[in-house]
PDB file of N, CA and C in Angstrom:
ATOM      1  N   UNK A   1     -61.295 118.839 -41.123  1.00  0.00           N
ATOM      2  CA  UNK A   1     -62.406 119.752 -41.229  1.00  0.00           C
ATOM      3  C   UNK A   1     -63.443 119.165 -42.174  1.00  0.00           C
ATOM      4  N   UNK A   2     -64.692 119.523 -41.940  1.00  0.00           N
ATOM      5  CA  UNK A   2     -65.790 119.061 -42.785  1.00  0.00           C
ATOM      6  C   UNK A   2     -66.270 120.207 -43.660  1.00  0.00           C
ATOM      7  N   UNK A   3     -66.663 119.859 -44.887  1.00  0.00           N
ATOM      8  CA  UNK A   3     -67.141 120.849 -45.848  1.00  0.00           C
ATOM      9  C   UNK A   3     -68.348 120.292 -46.602  1.00  0.00           C
ATOM     10  N   UNK A   4     -69.177 121.210 -47.072  1.00  0.00           N
ATOM     11  CA  UNK A   4     -70.280 120.870 -47.964  1.00  0.00           C
ATOM     12  C   UNK A   4     -70.079 121.703 -49.223  1.00  0.00           C
ATOM     13  N   UNK A   5     -70.222 121.069 -50.371  1.00  0.00           N
ATOM     14  CA  UNK A   5     -70.112 121.803 -51.631  1.00  0.00           C
ATOM     15  C   UNK A   5     -71.379 121.591 -52.455  1.00  0.00           C
ATOM     16  N   UNK A   6     -71.737 122.631 -53.200  1.00  0.00           N
ATOM     17  CA  UNK A   6     -72.870 122.537 -54.116  1.00  0.00           C
ATOM     18  C   UNK A   6     -72.369 122.895 -55.500  1.00  0.00           C
ATOM     19  N   UNK A   7     -72.768 122.098 -56.488  1.00  0.00           N
ATOM     20  CA  UNK A   7     -72.279 122.229 -57.855  1.00  0.00           C
ATOM     21  C   UNK A   7     -73.477 122.367 -58.792  1.00  0.00           C
ATOM     22  N   UNK A   8     -73.671 123.559 -59.336  1.00  0.00           N
ATOM     23  CA  UNK A   8     -74.768 123.840 -60.257  1.00  0.00           C
ATOM     24  C   UNK A   8     -74.246 123.764 -61.685  1.00  0.00           C
ATOM     25  N   UNK A   9     -74.849 122.903 -62.495  1.00  0.00           N
ATOM     26  CA  UNK A   9     -74.432 122.802 -63.901  1.00  0.00           C
ATOM     27  C   UNK A   9     -74.614 124.132 -64.611  1.00  0.00           C
ATOM     28  N   UNK A  10     -73.624 124.522 -65.390  1.00  0.00           N
ATOM     29  CA  UNK A  10     -73.749 125.730 -66.196  1.00  0.00           C
ATOM     30  C   UNK A  10     -74.434 125.424 -67.518  1.00  0.00           C
ATOM     31  N   UNK A  11     -74.237 124.226 -68.035  1.00  0.00           N
ATOM     32  CA  UNK A  11     -74.880 123.782 -69.263  1.00  0.00           C
ATOM     33  C   UNK A  11     -75.891 122.701 -68.893  1.00  0.00           C
ATOM     34  N   UNK A  12     -77.152 123.048 -68.894  1.00  0.00           N
ATOM     35  CA  UNK A  12     -78.206 122.112 -68.464  1.00  0.00           C
ATOM     36  C   UNK A  12     -78.345 120.912 -69.400  1.00  0.00           C
ATOM     37  N   UNK A  13     -77.723 120.969 -70.577  1.00  0.00           N
ATOM     38  CA  UNK A  13     -77.778 119.850 -71.512  1.00  0.00           C
ATOM     39  C   UNK A  13     -76.797 118.738 -71.133  1.00  0.00           C
ATOM     40  N   UNK A  14     -75.840 119.046 -70.266  1.00  0.00           N
ATOM     41  CA  UNK A  14     -74.878 118.036 -69.827  1.00  0.00           C
ATOM     42  C   UNK A  14     -75.564 117.003 -68.945  1.00  0.00           C
ATOM     43  N   UNK A  15     -75.051 115.799 -68.980  1.00  0.00           N
ATOM     44  CA  UNK A  15     -75.554 114.743 -68.109  1.00  0.00           C
ATOM     45  C   UNK A  15     -74.896 114.907 -66.746  1.00  0.00           C
ATOM     46  N   UNK A  16     -75.680 115.225 -65.740  1.00  0.00           N
ATOM     47  CA  UNK A  16     -75.140 115.480 -64.407  1.00  0.00           C
ATOM     48  C   UNK A  16     -74.430 114.255 -63.829  1.00  0.00           C
ATOM     49  N   UNK A  17     -74.874 113.078 -64.224  1.00  0.00           N
ATOM     50  CA  UNK A  17     -74.239 111.861 -63.713  1.00  0.00           C
ATOM     51  C   UNK A  17     -72.799 111.706 -64.204  1.00  0.00           C
ATOM     52  N   UNK A  18     -72.475 112.295 -65.338  1.00  0.00           N
ATOM     53  CA  UNK A  18     -71.100 112.246 -65.838  1.00  0.00           C
ATOM     54  C   UNK A  18     -70.180 113.163 -65.039  1.00  0.00           C
ATOM     55  N   UNK A  19     -70.739 114.181 -64.415  1.00  0.00           N
ATOM     56  CA  UNK A  19     -69.939 115.156 -63.674  1.00  0.00           C
ATOM     57  C   UNK A  19     -69.919 114.842 -62.176  1.00  0.00           C
ATOM     58  N   UNK A  20     -71.018 114.359 -61.639  1.00  0.00           N
ATOM     59  CA  UNK A  20     -71.159 114.197 -60.190  1.00  0.00           C
ATOM     60  C   UNK A  20     -70.327 113.056 -59.615  1.00  0.00           C
ATOM     61  N   UNK A  21     -69.807 112.188 -60.449  1.00  0.00           N
ATOM     62  CA  UNK A  21     -68.976 111.097 -59.947  1.00  0.00           C
ATOM     63  C   UNK A  21     -67.517 111.472 -60.146  1.00  0.00           C
ATOM     64  N   UNK A  22     -66.836 111.676 -59.041  1.00  0.00           N
ATOM     65  CA  UNK A  22     -65.435 112.094 -59.068  1.00  0.00           C
ATOM     66  C   UNK A  22     -64.569 110.872 -59.335  1.00  0.00           C
ATOM     67  N   UNK A  23     -64.093 110.742 -60.559  1.00  0.00           N
ATOM     68  CA  UNK A  23     -63.327 109.563 -60.949  1.00  0.00           C
ATOM     69  C   UNK A  23     -61.848 109.699 -60.611  1.00  0.00           C
ATOM     70  N   UNK A  24     -61.380 110.921 -60.456  1.00  0.00           N
ATOM     71  CA  UNK A  24     -59.975 111.128 -60.117  1.00  0.00           C
ATOM     72  C   UNK A  24     -59.748 110.725 -58.658  1.00  0.00           C
ATOM     73  N   UNK A  25     -58.652 110.042 -58.409  1.00  0.00           N
ATOM     74  CA  UNK A  25     -58.350 109.558 -57.062  1.00  0.00           C
ATOM     75  C   UNK A  25     -58.241 110.731 -56.084  1.00  0.00           C
ATOM     76  N   UNK A  26     -58.825 110.539 -54.899  1.00  0.00           N
ATOM     77  CA  UNK A  26     -58.764 111.565 -53.865  1.00  0.00           C
ATOM     78  C   UNK A  26     -57.358 111.644 -53.273  1.00  0.00           C
ATOM     79  N   UNK A  27     -56.920 112.850 -52.916  1.00  0.00           N
ATOM     80  CA  UNK A  27     -55.633 112.972 -52.222  1.00  0.00           C
ATOM     81  C   UNK A  27     -55.714 112.273 -50.858  1.00  0.00           C
ATOM     82  N   UNK A  28     -54.549 111.902 -50.329  1.00  0.00           N
ATOM     83  CA  UNK A  28     -54.564 111.331 -48.984  1.00  0.00           C
ATOM     84  C   UNK A  28     -55.057 112.409 -48.013  1.00  0.00           C
ATOM     85  N   UNK A  29     -55.647 111.989 -46.945  1.00  0.00           N
ATOM     86  CA  UNK A  29     -56.216 112.885 -45.925  1.00  0.00           C
ATOM     87  C   UNK A  29     -57.415 113.670 -46.455  1.00  0.00           C
ATOM     88  N   UNK A  30     -58.128 113.083 -47.425  1.00  0.00           N
ATOM     89  CA  UNK A  30     -59.347 113.705 -47.941  1.00  0.00           C
ATOM     90  C   UNK A  30     -60.366 112.607 -48.205  1.00  0.00           C
ATOM     91  N   UNK A  31     -61.604 112.828 -47.751  1.00  0.00           N
ATOM     92  CA  UNK A  31     -62.673 111.852 -47.932  1.00  0.00           C
ATOM     93  C   UNK A  31     -63.904 112.516 -48.525  1.00  0.00           C
ATOM     94  N   UNK A  32     -64.568 111.799 -49.409  1.00  0.00           N
ATOM     95  CA  UNK A  32     -65.881 112.206 -49.909  1.00  0.00           C
ATOM     96  C   UNK A  32     -66.883 111.303 -49.205  1.00  0.00           C
ATOM     97  N   UNK A  33     -67.650 111.875 -48.285  1.00  0.00           N
ATOM     98  CA  UNK A  33     -68.577 111.079 -47.487  1.00  0.00           C
ATOM     99  C   UNK A  33     -69.874 110.769 -48.228  1.00  0.00           C
ATOM    100  N   UNK A  34     -70.433 111.765 -48.913  1.00  0.00           N
ATOM    101  CA  UNK A  34     -71.725 111.566 -49.592  1.00  0.00           C
ATOM    102  C   UNK A  34     -71.855 112.493 -50.784  1.00  0.00           C
ATOM    103  N   UNK A  35     -72.619 112.042 -51.768  1.00  0.00           N
ATOM    104  CA  UNK A  35     -72.993 112.868 -52.905  1.00  0.00           C
ATOM    105  C   UNK A  35     -74.504 112.746 -53.101  1.00  0.00           C
ATOM    106  N   UNK A  36     -75.166 113.878 -53.212  1.00  0.00           N
ATOM    107  CA  UNK A  36     -76.613 113.922 -53.408  1.00  0.00           C
ATOM    108  C   UNK A  36     -76.874 114.588 -54.754  1.00  0.00           C
ATOM    109  N   UNK A  37     -77.494 113.856 -55.666  1.00  0.00           N
ATOM    110  CA  UNK A  37     -77.696 114.336 -57.037  1.00  0.00           C
ATOM    111  C   UNK A  37     -79.162 114.698 -57.250  1.00  0.00           C
ATOM    112  N   UNK A  38     -79.392 115.892 -57.764  1.00  0.00           N
ATOM    113  CA  UNK A  38     -80.736 116.384 -58.080  1.00  0.00           C
ATOM    114  C   UNK A  38     -80.794 116.577 -59.598  1.00  0.00           C
ATOM    115  N   UNK A  39     -81.195 115.519 -60.298  1.00  0.00           N
ATOM    116  CA  UNK A  39     -81.114 115.478 -61.757  1.00  0.00           C
ATOM    117  C   UNK A  39     -81.965 116.577 -62.390  1.00  0.00           C
ATOM    118  N   UNK A  40     -83.217 116.670 -62.003  1.00  0.00           N
ATOM    119  CA  UNK A  40     -84.121 117.635 -62.648  1.00  0.00           C
ATOM    120  C   UNK A  40     -83.701 119.076 -62.398  1.00  0.00           C
ATOM    121  N   UNK A  41     -83.126 119.345 -61.224  1.00  0.00           N
ATOM    122  CA  UNK A  41     -82.705 120.700 -60.886  1.00  0.00           C
ATOM    123  C   UNK A  41     -81.327 121.026 -61.444  1.00  0.00           C
ATOM    124  N   UNK A  42     -80.560 120.003 -61.835  1.00  0.00           N
ATOM    125  CA  UNK A  42     -79.260 120.215 -62.446  1.00  0.00           C
ATOM    126  C   UNK A  42     -78.149 120.566 -61.474  1.00  0.00           C
ATOM    127  N   UNK A  43     -78.224 120.051 -60.260  1.00  0.00           N
ATOM    128  CA  UNK A  43     -77.118 120.283 -59.339  1.00  0.00           C
ATOM    129  C   UNK A  43     -76.892 119.072 -58.453  1.00  0.00           C
ATOM    130  N   UNK A  44     -75.731 119.067 -57.789  1.00  0.00           N
ATOM    131  CA  UNK A  44     -75.440 118.030 -56.814  1.00  0.00           C
ATOM    132  C   UNK A  44     -74.683 118.631 -55.645  1.00  0.00           C
ATOM    133  N   UNK A  45     -74.787 117.968 -54.506  1.00  0.00           N
ATOM    134  CA  UNK A  45     -74.150 118.414 -53.278  1.00  0.00           C
ATOM    135  C   UNK A  45     -73.264 117.297 -52.744  1.00  0.00           C
ATOM    136  N   UNK A  46     -72.170 117.682 -52.092  1.00  0.00           N
ATOM    137  CA  UNK A  46     -71.228 116.710 -51.541  1.00  0.00           C
ATOM    138  C   UNK A  46     -70.869 117.070 -50.106  1.00  0.00           C
ATOM    139  N   UNK A  47     -70.590 116.056 -49.321  1.00  0.00           N
ATOM    140  CA  UNK A  47     -70.080 116.228 -47.964  1.00  0.00           C
ATOM    141  C   UNK A  47     -68.657 115.684 -47.957  1.00  0.00           C
ATOM    142  N   UNK A  48     -67.729 116.523 -47.562  1.00  0.00           N
ATOM    143  CA  UNK A  48     -66.301 116.217 -47.631  1.00  0.00           C
ATOM    144  C   UNK A  48     -65.645 116.305 -46.252  1.00  0.00           C
ATOM    145  N   UNK A  49     -64.502 115.651 -46.156  1.00  0.00           N
ATOM    146  CA  UNK A  49     -63.598 115.841 -45.030  1.00  0.00           C
ATOM    147  C   UNK A  49     -62.209 116.058 -45.642  1.00  0.00           C
ATOM    148  N   UNK A  50     -61.584 117.187 -45.293  1.00  0.00           N
ATOM    149  CA  UNK A  50     -60.277 117.524 -45.857  1.00  0.00           C
ATOM    150  C   UNK A  50     -59.498 118.353 -44.845  1.00  0.00           C
ATOM    151  N   UNK A  51     -58.195 118.424 -45.065  1.00  0.00           N
ATOM    152  CA  UNK A  51     -57.339 119.190 -44.149  1.00  0.00           C
ATOM    153  C   UNK A  51     -57.633 120.682 -44.201  1.00  0.00           C
ATOM    154  N   UNK A  52     -57.952 121.213 -45.397  1.00  0.00           N
ATOM    155  CA  UNK A  52     -58.197 122.648 -45.531  1.00  0.00           C
ATOM    156  C   UNK A  52     -58.968 122.935 -46.817  1.00  0.00           C
ATOM    157  N   UNK A  53     -59.409 124.170 -46.958  1.00  0.00           N
ATOM    158  CA  UNK A  53     -60.200 124.545 -48.135  1.00  0.00           C
ATOM    159  C   UNK A  53     -59.371 124.519 -49.412  1.00  0.00           C
ATOM    160  N   UNK A  54     -58.092 124.841 -49.316  1.00  0.00           N
ATOM    161  CA  UNK A  54     -57.245 124.821 -50.515  1.00  0.00           C
ATOM    162  C   UNK A  54     -57.203 123.434 -51.138  1.00  0.00           C
ATOM    163  N   UNK A  55     -57.046 122.411 -50.299  1.00  0.00           N
ATOM    164  CA  UNK A  55     -57.012 121.035 -50.785  1.00  0.00           C
ATOM    165  C   UNK A  55     -58.330 120.670 -51.451  1.00  0.00           C
ATOM    166  N   UNK A  56     -59.427 121.040 -50.809  1.00  0.00           N
ATOM    167  CA  UNK A  56     -60.753 120.742 -51.345  1.00  0.00           C
ATOM    168  C   UNK A  56     -60.971 121.427 -52.694  1.00  0.00           C
ATOM    169  N   UNK A  57     -60.729 122.721 -52.742  1.00  0.00           N
ATOM    170  CA  UNK A  57     -60.985 123.469 -53.970  1.00  0.00           C
ATOM    171  C   UNK A  57     -60.071 123.045 -55.112  1.00  0.00           C
ATOM    172  N   UNK A  58     -58.832 122.743 -54.815  1.00  0.00           N
ATOM    173  CA  UNK A  58     -57.930 122.279 -55.868  1.00  0.00           C
ATOM    174  C   UNK A  58     -58.449 120.984 -56.479  1.00  0.00           C
ATOM    175  N   UNK A  59     -58.903 120.058 -55.630  1.00  0.00           N
ATOM    176  CA  UNK A  59     -59.428 118.791 -56.135  1.00  0.00           C
ATOM    177  C   UNK A  59     -60.699 119.023 -56.965  1.00  0.00           C
ATOM    178  N   UNK A  60     -61.615 119.805 -56.441  1.00  0.00           N
ATOM    179  CA  UNK A  60     -62.888 120.043 -57.147  1.00  0.00           C
ATOM    180  C   UNK A  60     -62.636 120.710 -58.501  1.00  0.00           C
ATOM    181  N   UNK A  61     -61.827 121.755 -58.517  1.00  0.00           N
ATOM    182  CA  UNK A  61     -61.585 122.471 -59.779  1.00  0.00           C
ATOM    183  C   UNK A  61     -60.843 121.595 -60.789  1.00  0.00           C
ATOM    184  N   UNK A  62     -59.946 120.747 -60.306  1.00  0.00           N
ATOM    185  CA  UNK A  62     -59.231 119.836 -61.203  1.00  0.00           C
ATOM    186  C   UNK A  62     -60.172 118.790 -61.784  1.00  0.00           C
ATOM    187  N   UNK A  63     -61.097 118.308 -60.967  1.00  0.00           N
ATOM    188  CA  UNK A  63     -61.976 117.222 -61.383  1.00  0.00           C
ATOM    189  C   UNK A  63     -63.187 117.711 -62.170  1.00  0.00           C
ATOM    190  N   UNK A  64     -63.879 118.711 -61.661  1.00  0.00           N
ATOM    191  CA  UNK A  64     -65.112 119.193 -62.286  1.00  0.00           C
ATOM    192  C   UNK A  64     -64.818 120.236 -63.360  1.00  0.00           C
ATOM    193  N   UNK A  65     -63.774 121.006 -63.161  1.00  0.00           N
ATOM    194  CA  UNK A  65     -63.417 122.032 -64.129  1.00  0.00           C
ATOM    195  C   UNK A  65     -64.398 123.186 -64.141  1.00  0.00           C
ATOM    196  N   UNK A  66     -64.654 123.710 -65.332  1.00  0.00           N
ATOM    197  CA  UNK A  66     -65.512 124.884 -65.477  1.00  0.00           C
ATOM    198  C   UNK A  66     -66.958 124.515 -65.791  1.00  0.00           C
ATOM    199  N   UNK A  67     -67.334 123.255 -65.601  1.00  0.00           N
ATOM    200  CA  UNK A  67     -68.680 122.811 -65.945  1.00  0.00           C
ATOM    201  C   UNK A  67     -69.745 123.189 -64.945  1.00  0.00           C
ATOM    202  N   UNK A  68     -69.328 123.674 -63.765  1.00  0.00           N
ATOM    203  CA  UNK A  68     -70.282 123.971 -62.696  1.00  0.00           C
ATOM    204  C   UNK A  68     -69.919 125.265 -61.977  1.00  0.00           C
ATOM    205  N   UNK A  69     -70.950 125.907 -61.442  1.00  0.00           N
ATOM    206  CA  UNK A  69     -70.732 126.968 -60.467  1.00  0.00           C
ATOM    207  C   UNK A  69     -70.617 126.266 -59.128  1.00  0.00           C
ATOM    208  N   UNK A  70     -69.587 126.573 -58.372  1.00  0.00           N
ATOM    209  CA  UNK A  70     -69.315 125.850 -57.135  1.00  0.00           C
ATOM    210  C   UNK A  70     -69.427 126.790 -55.945  1.00  0.00           C
ATOM    211  N   UNK A  71     -70.202 126.368 -54.961  1.00  0.00           N
ATOM    212  CA  UNK A  71     -70.266 127.041 -53.670  1.00  0.00           C
ATOM    213  C   UNK A  71     -69.849 126.024 -52.623  1.00  0.00           C
ATOM    214  N   UNK A  72     -69.146 126.468 -51.606  1.00  0.00           N
ATOM    215  CA  UNK A  72     -68.731 125.541 -50.561  1.00  0.00           C
ATOM    216  C   UNK A  72     -68.797 126.236 -49.201  1.00  0.00           C
ATOM    217  N   UNK A  73     -68.949 125.426 -48.179  1.00  0.00           N
ATOM    218  CA  UNK A  73     -69.088 125.919 -46.809  1.00  0.00           C
ATOM    219  C   UNK A  73     -68.364 124.974 -45.867  1.00  0.00           C
ATOM    220  N   UNK A  74     -67.737 125.538 -44.859  1.00  0.00           N
ATOM    221  CA  UNK A  74     -67.174 124.676 -43.817  1.00  0.00           C
ATOM    222  C   UNK A  74     -68.287 124.352 -42.825  1.00  0.00           C
ATOM    223  N   UNK A  75     -68.175 123.188 -42.213  1.00  0.00           N
ATOM    224  CA  UNK A  75     -69.198 122.705 -41.288  1.00  0.00           C
ATOM    225  C   UNK A  75     -68.543 122.473 -39.938  1.00  0.00           C
ATOM    226  N   UNK A  76     -69.124 123.051 -38.909  1.00  0.00           N
ATOM    227  CA  UNK A  76     -68.658 122.788 -37.545  1.00  0.00           C
ATOM    228  C   UNK A  76     -69.248 121.453 -37.101  1.00  0.00           C
ATOM    229  N   UNK A  77     -68.428 120.426 -36.896  1.00  0.00           N
ATOM    230  CA  UNK A  77     -68.974 119.095 -36.580  1.00  0.00           C
ATOM    231  C   UNK A  77     -69.720 119.051 -35.253  1.00  0.00           C
ATOM    232  N   UNK A  78     -69.383 119.917 -34.329  1.00  0.00           N
ATOM    233  CA  UNK A  78     -70.065 119.918 -33.024  1.00  0.00           C
ATOM    234  C   UNK A  78     -71.491 120.427 -33.162  1.00  0.00           C
ATOM    235  N   UNK A  79     -71.663 121.574 -33.816  1.00  0.00           N
ATOM    236  CA  UNK A  79     -73.015 122.128 -33.945  1.00  0.00           C
ATOM    237  C   UNK A  79     -73.836 121.386 -34.995  1.00  0.00           C
ATOM    238  N   UNK A  80     -73.185 120.767 -35.978  1.00  0.00           N
ATOM    239  CA  UNK A  80     -73.918 120.028 -37.013  1.00  0.00           C
ATOM    240  C   UNK A  80     -74.570 118.776 -36.450  1.00  0.00           C
ATOM    241  N   UNK A  81     -73.952 118.167 -35.467  1.00  0.00           N
ATOM    242  CA  UNK A  81     -74.469 116.920 -34.916  1.00  0.00           C
ATOM    243  C   UNK A  81     -75.466 117.153 -33.790  1.00  0.00           C
ATOM    244  N   UNK A  82     -75.300 118.222 -33.052  1.00  0.00           N
ATOM    245  CA  UNK A  82     -76.197 118.436 -31.897  1.00  0.00           C
ATOM    246  C   UNK A  82     -77.547 118.955 -32.263  1.00  0.00           C
TER     247      UNK A  82
END
């Protein structure tokens, strides 16, 4: 399944580049396809591929922690491409 996540910094004084790069190894059967960083706005977006939302959210919460407000959406690959 494909997912998009958006991560809004809660503390605007934090360096977004320190948070937006996921340094923890990804679980098997999970891919991070792209990360889009908006420095001035204080948020970043990611495109993921994972088996399910539980796997995705567990990884994000473990890696990013409480530093961001996180929103995520599943993406239908058929309608997204057409």
